[in-house]
């Protein structure tokens, strides 16, 4: 059974940092394209960052570029999202997602992913 479990969310002040984790079971992340999305109250789930299955390419939303970094630890089968210089507008539930694919195109659409975690809440206060 495939499971993605996010953790690491919490409450921080603006300018602070958090590192989110997405632990996978039932699949090897090294074979999957990965993405992080977020959903603020009353808003659609939006794209944050995508990583190709080969770990060669990444794509960040303009709103997080230069502040967020995606990475992977194959030994732990875990994906990470390092978030620095957090802003109140980053407040949302953050989700990781996985897609089994050999295409190098970076996946930015929610409908393109097969597996999702349950989400972890990030709250940034001003």
PDB file of N, CA and C in Angstrom:
ATOM      1  N   UNK A   1       0.843  -1.191   0.000  1.00  0.00           N
ATOM      2  CA  UNK A   1       0.000   0.000   0.000  1.00  0.00           C
ATOM      3  C   UNK A   1       0.879   1.242   0.000  1.00  0.00           C
ATOM      4  N   UNK A   2       0.587   2.138  -0.926  1.00  0.00           N
ATOM      5  CA  UNK A   2       1.360   3.363  -1.060  1.00  0.00           C
ATOM      6  C   UNK A   2       0.893   4.385  -0.032  1.00  0.00           C
ATOM      7  N   UNK A   3       1.859   4.968   0.651  1.00  0.00           N
ATOM      8  CA  UNK A   3       1.545   6.031   1.608  1.00  0.00           C
ATOM      9  C   UNK A   3       2.580   7.128   1.521  1.00  0.00           C
ATOM     10  N   UNK A   4       2.103   8.364   1.551  1.00  0.00           N
ATOM     11  CA  UNK A   4       2.949   9.538   1.699  1.00  0.00           C
ATOM     12  C   UNK A   4       2.507  10.242   2.973  1.00  0.00           C
ATOM     13  N   UNK A   5       3.443  10.463   3.871  1.00  0.00           N
ATOM     14  CA  UNK A   5       3.094  11.063   5.159  1.00  0.00           C
ATOM     15  C   UNK A   5       3.935  12.312   5.368  1.00  0.00           C
ATOM     16  N   UNK A   6       3.256  13.453   5.392  1.00  0.00           N
ATOM     17  CA  UNK A   6       3.956  14.717   5.619  1.00  0.00           C
ATOM     18  C   UNK A   6       4.088  14.989   7.119  1.00  0.00           C
ATOM     19  N   UNK A   7       5.128  15.708   7.453  1.00  0.00           N
ATOM     20  CA  UNK A   7       5.337  16.158   8.822  1.00  0.00           C
ATOM     21  C   UNK A   7       6.203  17.408   8.787  1.00  0.00           C
ATOM     22  N   UNK A   8       6.342  18.045   9.931  1.00  0.00           N
ATOM     23  CA  UNK A   8       7.220  19.201  10.016  1.00  0.00           C
ATOM     24  C   UNK A   8       6.521  20.543   9.997  1.00  0.00           C
ATOM     25  N   UNK A   9       5.227  20.527   9.800  1.00  0.00           N
ATOM     26  CA  UNK A   9       4.498  21.783   9.820  1.00  0.00           C
ATOM     27  C   UNK A   9       4.445  22.379  11.216  1.00  0.00           C
ATOM     28  N   UNK A  10       3.976  23.606  11.319  1.00  0.00           N
ATOM     29  CA  UNK A  10       3.869  24.254  12.605  1.00  0.00           C
ATOM     30  C   UNK A  10       3.594  25.724  12.455  1.00  0.00           C
ATOM     31  N   UNK A  11       3.781  26.447  13.541  1.00  0.00           N
ATOM     32  CA  UNK A  11       3.553  27.890  13.561  1.00  0.00           C
ATOM     33  C   UNK A  11       4.876  28.611  13.759  1.00  0.00           C
ATOM     34  N   UNK A  12       5.142  29.576  12.892  1.00  0.00           N
ATOM     35  CA  UNK A  12       6.372  30.358  12.980  1.00  0.00           C
ATOM     36  C   UNK A  12       6.051  31.821  12.720  1.00  0.00           C
ATOM     37  N   UNK A  13       6.958  32.681  13.124  1.00  0.00           N
ATOM     38  CA  UNK A  13       6.818  34.091  12.805  1.00  0.00           C
ATOM     39  C   UNK A  13       7.399  34.360  11.428  1.00  0.00           C
ATOM     40  N   UNK A  14       6.949  35.433  10.839  1.00  0.00           N
ATOM     41  CA  UNK A  14       7.468  35.834   9.538  1.00  0.00           C
ATOM     42  C   UNK A  14       8.987  35.954   9.595  1.00  0.00           C
ATOM     43  N   UNK A  15       9.622  35.449   8.551  1.00  0.00           N
ATOM     44  CA  UNK A  15      11.072  35.424   8.492  1.00  0.00           C
ATOM     45  C   UNK A  15      11.682  34.119   8.972  1.00  0.00           C
ATOM     46  N   UNK A  16      10.879  33.291   9.603  1.00  0.00           N
ATOM     47  CA  UNK A  16      11.357  32.023  10.123  1.00  0.00           C
ATOM     48  C   UNK A  16      11.449  30.940   9.073  1.00  0.00           C
ATOM     49  N   UNK A  17      11.826  29.755   9.529  1.00  0.00           N
ATOM     50  CA  UNK A  17      12.027  28.628   8.630  1.00  0.00           C
ATOM     51  C   UNK A  17      11.339  27.379   9.167  1.00  0.00           C
ATOM     52  N   UNK A  18      10.980  26.516   8.251  1.00  0.00           N
ATOM     53  CA  UNK A  18      10.476  25.187   8.566  1.00  0.00           C
ATOM     54  C   UNK A  18      10.983  24.224   7.516  1.00  0.00           C
ATOM     55  N   UNK A  19      11.129  22.970   7.903  1.00  0.00           N
ATOM     56  CA  UNK A  19      11.439  21.932   6.927  1.00  0.00           C
ATOM     57  C   UNK A  19      10.355  20.865   6.991  1.00  0.00           C
ATOM     58  N   UNK A  20       9.662  20.713   5.892  1.00  0.00           N
ATOM     59  CA  UNK A  20       8.638  19.699   5.780  1.00  0.00           C
ATOM     60  C   UNK A  20       9.246  18.405   5.260  1.00  0.00           C
ATOM     61  N   UNK A  21       8.723  17.292   5.744  1.00  0.00           N
ATOM     62  CA  UNK A  21       9.154  15.977   5.278  1.00  0.00           C
ATOM     63  C   UNK A  21       7.973  15.244   4.672  1.00  0.00           C
ATOM     64  N   UNK A  22       8.273  14.407   3.710  1.00  0.00           N
ATOM     65  CA  UNK A  22       7.264  13.562   3.065  1.00  0.00           C
ATOM     66  C   UNK A  22       7.862  12.161   3.011  1.00  0.00           C
ATOM     67  N   UNK A  23       7.485  11.344   3.975  1.00  0.00           N
ATOM     68  CA  UNK A  23       8.016   9.992   4.060  1.00  0.00           C
ATOM     69  C   UNK A  23       7.149   9.050   3.238  1.00  0.00           C
ATOM     70  N   UNK A  24       7.798   8.270   2.384  1.00  0.00           N
ATOM     71  CA  UNK A  24       7.072   7.383   1.484  1.00  0.00           C
ATOM     72  C   UNK A  24       7.213   5.935   1.897  1.00  0.00           C
ATOM     73  N   UNK A  25       6.148   5.196   1.732  1.00  0.00           N
ATOM     74  CA  UNK A  25       6.179   3.743   1.910  1.00  0.00           C
ATOM     75  C   UNK A  25       5.370   3.123   0.784  1.00  0.00           C
ATOM     76  N   UNK A  26       5.774   1.924   0.383  1.00  0.00           N
ATOM     77  CA  UNK A  26       5.082   1.255  -0.714  1.00  0.00           C
ATOM     78  C   UNK A  26       5.532   1.710  -2.087  1.00  0.00           C
ATOM     79  N   UNK A  27       6.478   2.614  -2.156  1.00  0.00           N
ATOM     80  CA  UNK A  27       7.055   3.052  -3.415  1.00  0.00           C
ATOM     81  C   UNK A  27       8.442   3.609  -3.146  1.00  0.00           C
ATOM     82  N   UNK A  28       9.263   3.626  -4.221  1.00  0.00           N
ATOM     83  CA  UNK A  28      10.602   4.189  -4.123  1.00  0.00           C
ATOM     84  C   UNK A  28      10.584   5.570  -4.750  1.00  0.00           C
ATOM     85  N   UNK A  29      10.814   6.587  -3.959  1.00  0.00           N
ATOM     86  CA  UNK A  29      10.734   7.952  -4.467  1.00  0.00           C
ATOM     87  C   UNK A  29      11.695   8.202  -5.620  1.00  0.00           C
ATOM     88  N   UNK A  30      12.781   7.466  -5.687  1.00  0.00           N
ATOM     89  CA  UNK A  30      13.751   7.670  -6.755  1.00  0.00           C
ATOM     90  C   UNK A  30      13.165   7.343  -8.129  1.00  0.00           C
ATOM     91  N   UNK A  31      12.040   6.651  -8.160  1.00  0.00           N
ATOM     92  CA  UNK A  31      11.383   6.314  -9.419  1.00  0.00           C
ATOM     93  C   UNK A  31      10.226   7.242  -9.753  1.00  0.00           C
ATOM     94  N   UNK A  32       9.992   8.223  -8.905  1.00  0.00           N
ATOM     95  CA  UNK A  32       8.807   9.059  -9.024  1.00  0.00           C
ATOM     96  C   UNK A  32       9.156  10.524  -9.200  1.00  0.00           C
ATOM     97  N   UNK A  33       8.351  11.188 -10.023  1.00  0.00           N
ATOM     98  CA  UNK A  33       8.359  12.643 -10.033  1.00  0.00           C
ATOM     99  C   UNK A  33       7.589  13.106  -8.805  1.00  0.00           C
ATOM    100  N   UNK A  34       8.072  14.171  -8.182  1.00  0.00           N
ATOM    101  CA  UNK A  34       7.465  14.644  -6.944  1.00  0.00           C
ATOM    102  C   UNK A  34       7.047  16.093  -7.058  1.00  0.00           C
ATOM    103  N   UNK A  35       6.056  16.427  -6.254  1.00  0.00           N
ATOM    104  CA  UNK A  35       5.623  17.813  -6.206  1.00  0.00           C
ATOM    105  C   UNK A  35       5.150  18.168  -4.819  1.00  0.00           C
ATOM    106  N   UNK A  36       5.181  19.445  -4.537  1.00  0.00           N
ATOM    107  CA  UNK A  36       4.573  19.989  -3.327  1.00  0.00           C
ATOM    108  C   UNK A  36       3.523  21.009  -3.767  1.00  0.00           C
ATOM    109  N   UNK A  37       2.400  20.956  -3.098  1.00  0.00           N
ATOM    110  CA  UNK A  37       1.308  21.887  -3.330  1.00  0.00           C
ATOM    111  C   UNK A  37       0.876  22.449  -1.984  1.00  0.00           C
ATOM    112  N   UNK A  38       0.104  23.517  -2.025  1.00  0.00           N
ATOM    113  CA  UNK A  38      -0.429  24.070  -0.784  1.00  0.00           C
ATOM    114  C   UNK A  38      -1.834  24.603  -1.016  1.00  0.00           C
ATOM    115  N   UNK A  39      -2.596  24.621   0.056  1.00  0.00           N
ATOM    116  CA  UNK A  39      -3.966  25.105  -0.035  1.00  0.00           C
ATOM    117  C   UNK A  39      -4.278  25.968   1.175  1.00  0.00           C
ATOM    118  N   UNK A  40      -4.543  27.228   0.907  1.00  0.00           N
ATOM    119  CA  UNK A  40      -4.942  28.167   1.947  1.00  0.00           C
ATOM    120  C   UNK A  40      -6.460  28.131   2.094  1.00  0.00           C
ATOM    121  N   UNK A  41      -6.977  28.531   3.243  1.00  0.00           N
ATOM    122  CA  UNK A  41      -8.432  28.508   3.449  1.00  0.00           C
ATOM    123  C   UNK A  41      -9.165  29.302   2.378  1.00  0.00           C
ATOM    124  N   UNK A  42     -10.167  28.675   1.790  1.00  0.00           N
ATOM    125  CA  UNK A  42     -10.978  29.336   0.790  1.00  0.00           C
ATOM    126  C   UNK A  42     -10.346  29.461  -0.576  1.00  0.00           C
ATOM    127  N   UNK A  43      -9.188  28.833  -0.754  1.00  0.00           N
ATOM    128  CA  UNK A  43      -8.485  28.931  -2.036  1.00  0.00           C
ATOM    129  C   UNK A  43      -8.261  27.555  -2.645  1.00  0.00           C
ATOM    130  N   UNK A  44      -7.960  27.564  -3.938  1.00  0.00           N
ATOM    131  CA  UNK A  44      -7.640  26.324  -4.629  1.00  0.00           C
ATOM    132  C   UNK A  44      -6.255  25.829  -4.202  1.00  0.00           C
ATOM    133  N   UNK A  45      -6.062  24.513  -4.318  1.00  0.00           N
ATOM    134  CA  UNK A  45      -4.737  23.959  -4.073  1.00  0.00           C
ATOM    135  C   UNK A  45      -3.814  24.431  -5.185  1.00  0.00           C
ATOM    136  N   UNK A  46      -2.686  24.991  -4.797  1.00  0.00           N
ATOM    137  CA  UNK A  46      -1.796  25.562  -5.795  1.00  0.00           C
ATOM    138  C   UNK A  46      -0.427  24.899  -5.801  1.00  0.00           C
ATOM    139  N   UNK A  47       0.191  24.949  -6.937  1.00  0.00           N
ATOM    140  CA  UNK A  47       1.513  24.377  -7.156  1.00  0.00           C
ATOM    141  C   UNK A  47       2.568  25.179  -6.403  1.00  0.00           C
ATOM    142  N   UNK A  48       3.515  24.466  -5.794  1.00  0.00           N
ATOM    143  CA  UNK A  48       4.629  25.108  -5.104  1.00  0.00           C
ATOM    144  C   UNK A  48       5.954  24.762  -5.800  1.00  0.00           C
ATOM    145  N   UNK A  49       6.220  23.461  -5.968  1.00  0.00           N
ATOM    146  CA  UNK A  49       7.483  23.049  -6.578  1.00  0.00           C
ATOM    147  C   UNK A  49       7.315  21.654  -7.137  1.00  0.00           C
ATOM    148  N   UNK A  50       8.063  21.372  -8.209  1.00  0.00           N
ATOM    149  CA  UNK A  50       8.075  20.054  -8.825  1.00  0.00           C
ATOM    150  C   UNK A  50       9.510  19.616  -9.044  1.00  0.00           C
ATOM    151  N   UNK A  51       9.730  18.310  -8.923  1.00  0.00           N
ATOM    152  CA  UNK A  51      11.054  17.738  -9.163  1.00  0.00           C
ATOM    153  C   UNK A  51      10.883  16.570 -10.129  1.00  0.00           C
ATOM    154  N   UNK A  52      11.755  16.465 -11.098  1.00  0.00           N
ATOM    155  CA  UNK A  52      11.676  15.357 -12.037  1.00  0.00           C
ATOM    156  C   UNK A  52      12.080  14.058 -11.357  1.00  0.00           C
ATOM    157  N   UNK A  53      11.641  12.938 -11.925  1.00  0.00           N
ATOM    158  CA  UNK A  53      11.957  11.644 -11.293  1.00  0.00           C
ATOM    159  C   UNK A  53      13.454  11.417 -11.226  1.00  0.00           C
ATOM    160  N   UNK A  54      14.181  11.944 -12.224  1.00  0.00           N
ATOM    161  CA  UNK A  54      15.635  11.767 -12.291  1.00  0.00           C
ATOM    162  C   UNK A  54      16.374  12.680 -11.334  1.00  0.00           C
ATOM    163  N   UNK A  55      15.643  13.578 -10.694  1.00  0.00           N
ATOM    164  CA  UNK A  55      16.232  14.533  -9.749  1.00  0.00           C
ATOM    165  C   UNK A  55      17.175  15.504 -10.440  1.00  0.00           C
ATOM    166  N   UNK A  56      17.015  15.664 -11.734  1.00  0.00           N
ATOM    167  CA  UNK A  56      17.860  16.581 -12.493  1.00  0.00           C
ATOM    168  C   UNK A  56      17.263  17.976 -12.543  1.00  0.00           C
ATOM    169  N   UNK A  57      15.939  18.030 -12.624  1.00  0.00           N
ATOM    170  CA  UNK A  57      15.276  19.318 -12.834  1.00  0.00           C
ATOM    171  C   UNK A  57      14.286  19.623 -11.728  1.00  0.00           C
ATOM    172  N   UNK A  58      14.167  20.909 -11.424  1.00  0.00           N
ATOM    173  CA  UNK A  58      13.154  21.383 -10.493  1.00  0.00           C
ATOM    174  C   UNK A  58      12.508  22.637 -11.045  1.00  0.00           C
ATOM    175  N   UNK A  59      11.304  22.898 -10.587  1.00  0.00           N
ATOM    176  CA  UNK A  59      10.590  24.105 -10.999  1.00  0.00           C
ATOM    177  C   UNK A  59       9.851  24.640  -9.793  1.00  0.00           C
ATOM    178  N   UNK A  60      10.038  25.915  -9.511  1.00  0.00           N
ATOM    179  CA  UNK A  60       9.404  26.544  -8.366  1.00  0.00           C
ATOM    180  C   UNK A  60       8.382  27.577  -8.815  1.00  0.00           C
ATOM    181  N   UNK A  61       7.317  27.693  -8.045  1.00  0.00           N
ATOM    182  CA  UNK A  61       6.382  28.790  -8.269  1.00  0.00           C
ATOM    183  C   UNK A  61       7.104  30.102  -7.996  1.00  0.00           C
ATOM    184  N   UNK A  62       6.751  31.125  -8.727  1.00  0.00           N
ATOM    185  CA  UNK A  62       7.410  32.426  -8.553  1.00  0.00           C
ATOM    186  C   UNK A  62       7.309  32.915  -7.113  1.00  0.00           C
ATOM    187  N   UNK A  63       6.216  32.593  -6.462  1.00  0.00           N
ATOM    188  CA  UNK A  63       5.977  33.094  -5.110  1.00  0.00           C
ATOM    189  C   UNK A  63       6.942  32.524  -4.073  1.00  0.00           C
ATOM    190  N   UNK A  64       7.578  31.396  -4.394  1.00  0.00           N
ATOM    191  CA  UNK A  64       8.479  30.767  -3.411  1.00  0.00           C
ATOM    192  C   UNK A  64       9.913  30.681  -3.909  1.00  0.00           C
ATOM    193  N   UNK A  65      10.148  31.059  -5.149  1.00  0.00           N
ATOM    194  CA  UNK A  65      11.486  30.944  -5.742  1.00  0.00           C
ATOM    195  C   UNK A  65      12.499  31.722  -4.916  1.00  0.00           C
ATOM    196  N   UNK A  66      13.619  31.071  -4.623  1.00  0.00           N
ATOM    197  CA  UNK A  66      14.671  31.699  -3.836  1.00  0.00           C
ATOM    198  C   UNK A  66      14.498  31.536  -2.340  1.00  0.00           C
ATOM    199  N   UNK A  67      13.326  31.056  -1.921  1.00  0.00           N
ATOM    200  CA  UNK A  67      13.071  30.865  -0.482  1.00  0.00           C
ATOM    201  C   UNK A  67      12.870  29.393  -0.120  1.00  0.00           C
ATOM    202  N   UNK A  68      12.297  28.624  -1.014  1.00  0.00           N
ATOM    203  CA  UNK A  68      12.006  27.206  -0.780  1.00  0.00           C
ATOM    204  C   UNK A  68      12.970  26.341  -1.583  1.00  0.00           C
ATOM    205  N   UNK A  69      13.299  25.171  -1.017  1.00  0.00           N
ATOM    206  CA  UNK A  69      14.171  24.233  -1.704  1.00  0.00           C
ATOM    207  C   UNK A  69      13.657  22.818  -1.509  1.00  0.00           C
ATOM    208  N   UNK A  70      13.506  22.098  -2.613  1.00  0.00           N
ATOM    209  CA  UNK A  70      13.089  20.696  -2.559  1.00  0.00           C
ATOM    210  C   UNK A  70      14.332  19.826  -2.593  1.00  0.00           C
ATOM    211  N   UNK A  71      14.287  18.733  -1.842  1.00  0.00           N
ATOM    212  CA  UNK A  71      15.403  17.794  -1.856  1.00  0.00           C
ATOM    213  C   UNK A  71      14.883  16.403  -1.522  1.00  0.00           C
ATOM    214  N   UNK A  72      15.767  15.425  -1.678  1.00  0.00           N
ATOM    215  CA  UNK A  72      15.347  14.041  -1.448  1.00  0.00           C
ATOM    216  C   UNK A  72      16.478  13.276  -0.793  1.00  0.00           C
ATOM    217  N   UNK A  73      16.126  12.393   0.124  1.00  0.00           N
ATOM    218  CA  UNK A  73      17.074  11.466   0.727  1.00  0.00           C
ATOM    219  C   UNK A  73      16.637  10.068   0.324  1.00  0.00           C
ATOM    220  N   UNK A  74      17.345   9.482  -0.629  1.00  0.00           N
ATOM    221  CA  UNK A  74      16.966   8.153  -1.131  1.00  0.00           C
ATOM    222  C   UNK A  74      17.075   7.081  -0.052  1.00  0.00           C
ATOM    223  N   UNK A  75      18.064   7.204   0.795  1.00  0.00           N
ATOM    224  CA  UNK A  75      18.254   6.199   1.837  1.00  0.00           C
ATOM    225  C   UNK A  75      17.065   6.170   2.798  1.00  0.00           C
ATOM    226  N   UNK A  76      16.469   7.327   3.033  1.00  0.00           N
ATOM    227  CA  UNK A  76      15.317   7.418   3.926  1.00  0.00           C
ATOM    228  C   UNK A  76      13.998   7.383   3.160  1.00  0.00           C
ATOM    229  N   UNK A  77      14.104   7.376   1.839  1.00  0.00           N
ATOM    230  CA  UNK A  77      12.897   7.386   0.996  1.00  0.00           C
ATOM    231  C   UNK A  77      11.977   8.539   1.405  1.00  0.00           C
ATOM    232  N   UNK A  78      12.576   9.683   1.559  1.00  0.00           N
ATOM    233  CA  UNK A  78      11.866  10.852   2.072  1.00  0.00           C
ATOM    234  C   UNK A  78      12.187  12.077   1.229  1.00  0.00           C
ATOM    235  N   UNK A  79      11.157  12.858   0.961  1.00  0.00           N
ATOM    236  CA  UNK A  79      11.268  14.118   0.245  1.00  0.00           C
ATOM    237  C   UNK A  79      11.180  15.248   1.269  1.00  0.00           C
ATOM    238  N   UNK A  80      11.910  16.332   0.993  1.00  0.00           N
ATOM    239  CA  UNK A  80      11.902  17.454   1.919  1.00  0.00           C
ATOM    240  C   UNK A  80      11.549  18.752   1.201  1.00  0.00           C
ATOM    241  N   UNK A  81      10.977  19.657   1.962  1.00  0.00           N
ATOM    242  CA  UNK A  81      10.764  21.012   1.462  1.00  0.00           C
ATOM    243  C   UNK A  81      11.279  21.966   2.531  1.00  0.00           C
ATOM    244  N   UNK A  82      12.434  22.550   2.248  1.00  0.00           N
ATOM    245  CA  UNK A  82      13.004  23.537   3.159  1.00  0.00           C
ATOM    246  C   UNK A  82      12.395  24.890   2.819  1.00  0.00           C
ATOM    247  N   UNK A  83      11.806  25.529   3.825  1.00  0.00           N
ATOM    248  CA  UNK A  83      11.130  26.807   3.610  1.00  0.00           C
ATOM    249  C   UNK A  83      11.788  27.867   4.478  1.00  0.00           C
ATOM    250  N   UNK A  84      12.385  28.848   3.845  1.00  0.00           N
ATOM    251  CA  UNK A  84      13.052  29.941   4.551  1.00  0.00           C
ATOM    252  C   UNK A  84      12.343  31.260   4.267  1.00  0.00           C
ATOM    253  N   UNK A  85      12.645  32.254   5.078  1.00  0.00           N
ATOM    254  CA  UNK A  85      12.072  33.599   4.910  1.00  0.00           C
ATOM    255  C   UNK A  85      10.562  33.526   4.741  1.00  0.00           C
ATOM    256  N   UNK A  86       9.940  32.802   5.614  1.00  0.00           N
ATOM    257  CA  UNK A  86       8.505  32.579   5.486  1.00  0.00           C
ATOM    258  C   UNK A  86       7.715  33.863   5.658  1.00  0.00           C
ATOM    259  N   UNK A  87       6.619  33.934   4.920  1.00  0.00           N
ATOM    260  CA  UNK A  87       5.740  35.104   4.936  1.00  0.00           C
ATOM    261  C   UNK A  87       4.334  34.676   5.370  1.00  0.00           C
ATOM    262  N   UNK A  88       3.548  35.595   5.882  1.00  0.00           N
ATOM    263  CA  UNK A  88       2.172  35.230   6.259  1.00  0.00           C
ATOM    264  C   UNK A  88       1.385  34.615   5.103  1.00  0.00           C
ATOM    265  N   UNK A  89       1.659  35.031   3.891  1.00  0.00           N
ATOM    266  CA  UNK A  89       0.940  34.485   2.739  1.00  0.00           C
ATOM    267  C   UNK A  89       1.357  33.054   2.403  1.00  0.00           C
ATOM    268  N   UNK A  90       2.365  32.532   3.097  1.00  0.00           N
ATOM    269  CA  UNK A  90       2.724  31.121   2.932  1.00  0.00           C
ATOM    270  C   UNK A  90       1.858  30.208   3.793  1.00  0.00           C
ATOM    271  N   UNK A  91       1.022  30.797   4.637  1.00  0.00           N
ATOM    272  CA  UNK A  91       0.145  30.012   5.495  1.00  0.00           C
ATOM    273  C   UNK A  91      -0.795  29.156   4.657  1.00  0.00           C
ATOM    274  N   UNK A  92      -0.768  27.842   4.912  1.00  0.00           N
ATOM    275  CA  UNK A  92      -1.566  26.906   4.123  1.00  0.00           C
ATOM    276  C   UNK A  92      -1.330  25.494   4.652  1.00  0.00           C
ATOM    277  N   UNK A  93      -2.125  24.572   4.161  1.00  0.00           N
ATOM    278  CA  UNK A  93      -1.835  23.150   4.335  1.00  0.00           C
ATOM    279  C   UNK A  93      -0.967  22.733   3.151  1.00  0.00           C
ATOM    280  N   UNK A  94       0.140  22.092   3.451  1.00  0.00           N
ATOM    281  CA  UNK A  94       1.088  21.690   2.421  1.00  0.00           C
ATOM    282  C   UNK A  94       0.978  20.189   2.178  1.00  0.00           C
ATOM    283  N   UNK A  95       0.956  19.834   0.897  1.00  0.00           N
ATOM    284  CA  UNK A  95       0.807  18.450   0.477  1.00  0.00           C
ATOM    285  C   UNK A  95       1.968  18.041  -0.417  1.00  0.00           C
ATOM    286  N   UNK A  96       2.463  16.815  -0.240  1.00  0.00           N
ATOM    287  CA  UNK A  96       3.392  16.259  -1.214  1.00  0.00           C
ATOM    288  C   UNK A  96       2.614  15.295  -2.117  1.00  0.00           C
ATOM    289  N   UNK A  97       3.128  15.116  -3.314  1.00  0.00           N
ATOM    290  CA  UNK A  97       2.463  14.278  -4.300  1.00  0.00           C
ATOM    291  C   UNK A  97       3.507  13.556  -5.130  1.00  0.00           C
ATOM    292  N   UNK A  98       3.142  12.373  -5.635  1.00  0.00           N
ATOM    293  CA  UNK A  98       4.071  11.543  -6.401  1.00  0.00           C
ATOM    294  C   UNK A  98       3.411  11.015  -7.662  1.00  0.00           C
ATOM    295  N   UNK A  99       4.235  10.881  -8.692  1.00  0.00           N
ATOM    296  CA  UNK A  99       3.766  10.359  -9.978  1.00  0.00           C
ATOM    297  C   UNK A  99       4.830   9.436 -10.535  1.00  0.00           C
ATOM    298  N   UNK A 100       4.439   8.200 -10.848  1.00  0.00           N
ATOM    299  CA  UNK A 100       5.364   7.262 -11.468  1.00  0.00           C
ATOM    300  C   UNK A 100       5.456   7.606 -12.951  1.00  0.00           C
ATOM    301  N   UNK A 101       6.626   8.058 -13.369  1.00  0.00           N
ATOM    302  CA  UNK A 101       6.790   8.475 -14.753  1.00  0.00           C
ATOM    303  C   UNK A 101       8.254   8.471 -15.122  1.00  0.00           C
ATOM    304  N   UNK A 102       8.520   8.299 -16.404  1.00  0.00           N
ATOM    305  CA  UNK A 102       9.887   8.411 -16.923  1.00  0.00           C
ATOM    306  C   UNK A 102      10.019   9.654 -17.804  1.00  0.00           C
ATOM    307  N   UNK A 103       8.958  10.423 -17.905  1.00  0.00           N
ATOM    308  CA  UNK A 103       9.050  11.679 -18.633  1.00  0.00           C
ATOM    309  C   UNK A 103       9.818  12.700 -17.808  1.00  0.00           C
ATOM    310  N   UNK A 104      10.577  13.546 -18.472  1.00  0.00           N
ATOM    311  CA  UNK A 104      11.360  14.551 -17.765  1.00  0.00           C
ATOM    312  C   UNK A 104      10.586  15.837 -17.547  1.00  0.00           C
ATOM    313  N   UNK A 105       9.410  15.940 -18.198  1.00  0.00           N
ATOM    314  CA  UNK A 105       8.624  17.161 -18.030  1.00  0.00           C
ATOM    315  C   UNK A 105       8.227  17.316 -16.573  1.00  0.00           C
ATOM    316  N   UNK A 106       8.380  18.508 -16.060  1.00  0.00           N
ATOM    317  CA  UNK A 106       8.020  18.794 -14.679  1.00  0.00           C
ATOM    318  C   UNK A 106       6.506  18.967 -14.575  1.00  0.00           C
ATOM    319  N   UNK A 107       5.938  18.353 -13.563  1.00  0.00           N
ATOM    320  CA  UNK A 107       4.485  18.269 -13.426  1.00  0.00           C
ATOM    321  C   UNK A 107       3.987  19.335 -12.465  1.00  0.00           C
ATOM    322  N   UNK A 108       3.179  20.234 -12.968  1.00  0.00           N
ATOM    323  CA  UNK A 108       2.691  21.336 -12.147  1.00  0.00           C
ATOM    324  C   UNK A 108       1.192  21.282 -11.879  1.00  0.00           C
ATOM    325  N   UNK A 109       0.511  20.352 -12.497  1.00  0.00           N
ATOM    326  CA  UNK A 109      -0.932  20.245 -12.319  1.00  0.00           C
ATOM    327  C   UNK A 109      -1.306  19.213 -11.274  1.00  0.00           C
ATOM    328  N   UNK A 110      -2.303  19.546 -10.473  1.00  0.00           N
ATOM    329  CA  UNK A 110      -2.738  18.620  -9.426  1.00  0.00           C
ATOM    330  C   UNK A 110      -3.184  17.284 -10.021  1.00  0.00           C
ATOM    331  N   UNK A 111      -3.858  17.341 -11.156  1.00  0.00           N
ATOM    332  CA  UNK A 111      -4.427  16.138 -11.759  1.00  0.00           C
ATOM    333  C   UNK A 111      -3.364  15.201 -12.312  1.00  0.00           C
ATOM    334  N   UNK A 112      -2.128  15.665 -12.381  1.00  0.00           N
ATOM    335  CA  UNK A 112      -1.067  14.853 -12.972  1.00  0.00           C
ATOM    336  C   UNK A 112      -0.458  13.880 -11.974  1.00  0.00           C
ATOM    337  N   UNK A 113      -0.758  14.016 -10.710  1.00  0.00           N
ATOM    338  CA  UNK A 113      -0.148  13.182  -9.683  1.00  0.00           C
ATOM    339  C   UNK A 113      -1.081  12.053  -9.257  1.00  0.00           C
ATOM    340  N   UNK A 114      -0.464  10.925  -8.941  1.00  0.00           N
ATOM    341  CA  UNK A 114      -1.212   9.726  -8.590  1.00  0.00           C
ATOM    342  C   UNK A 114      -1.429   9.579  -7.081  1.00  0.00           C
ATOM    343  N   UNK A 115      -0.436   9.982  -6.299  1.00  0.00           N
ATOM    344  CA  UNK A 115      -0.492   9.757  -4.857  1.00  0.00           C
ATOM    345  C   UNK A 115      -0.292  11.065  -4.102  1.00  0.00           C
ATOM    346  N   UNK A 116      -1.036  11.191  -3.017  1.00  0.00           N
ATOM    347  CA  UNK A 116      -0.994  12.399  -2.206  1.00  0.00           C
ATOM    348  C   UNK A 116      -0.864  12.060  -0.729  1.00  0.00           C
ATOM    349  N   UNK A 117      -0.175  12.937  -0.001  1.00  0.00           N
ATOM    350  CA  UNK A 117      -0.163  12.824   1.437  1.00  0.00           C
ATOM    351  C   UNK A 117      -1.387  13.486   2.037  1.00  0.00           C
ATOM    352  N   UNK A 118      -1.481  13.426   3.357  1.00  0.00           N
ATOM    353  CA  UNK A 118      -2.650  13.961   4.049  1.00  0.00           C
ATOM    354  C   UNK A 118      -2.530  15.458   4.334  1.00  0.00           C
ATOM    355  N   UNK A 119      -1.339  15.995   4.188  1.00  0.00           N
ATOM    356  CA  UNK A 119      -1.130  17.423   4.398  1.00  0.00           C
ATOM    357  C   UNK A 119      -0.614  17.748   5.784  1.00  0.00           C
ATOM    358  N   UNK A 120       0.111  18.852   5.859  1.00  0.00           N
ATOM    359  CA  UNK A 120       0.612  19.354   7.135  1.00  0.00           C
ATOM    360  C   UNK A 120       0.416  20.869   7.163  1.00  0.00           C
ATOM    361  N   UNK A 121      -0.062  21.384   8.289  1.00  0.00           N
ATOM    362  CA  UNK A 121      -0.407  22.792   8.387  1.00  0.00           C
ATOM    363  C   UNK A 121       0.822  23.647   8.666  1.00  0.00           C
ATOM    364  N   UNK A 122       0.948  24.714   7.908  1.00  0.00           N
ATOM    365  CA  UNK A 122       1.986  25.725   8.141  1.00  0.00           C
ATOM    366  C   UNK A 122       1.283  27.057   8.382  1.00  0.00           C
ATOM    367  N   UNK A 123       1.593  27.676   9.507  1.00  0.00           N
ATOM    368  CA  UNK A 123       1.004  28.966   9.849  1.00  0.00           C
ATOM    369  C   UNK A 123       2.121  29.963  10.128  1.00  0.00           C
ATOM    370  N   UNK A 124       2.094  31.065   9.399  1.00  0.00           N
ATOM    371  CA  UNK A 124       3.120  32.097   9.536  1.00  0.00           C
ATOM    372  C   UNK A 124       2.443  33.367  10.034  1.00  0.00           C
ATOM    373  N   UNK A 125       2.889  33.848  11.178  1.00  0.00           N
ATOM    374  CA  UNK A 125       2.300  35.057  11.758  1.00  0.00           C
ATOM    375  C   UNK A 125       3.197  36.258  11.493  1.00  0.00           C
ATOM    376  N   UNK A 126       2.552  37.413  11.396  1.00  0.00           N
ATOM    377  CA  UNK A 126       3.314  38.630  11.095  1.00  0.00           C
ATOM    378  C   UNK A 126       3.822  39.292  12.361  1.00  0.00           C
TER     379      UNK A 126
END
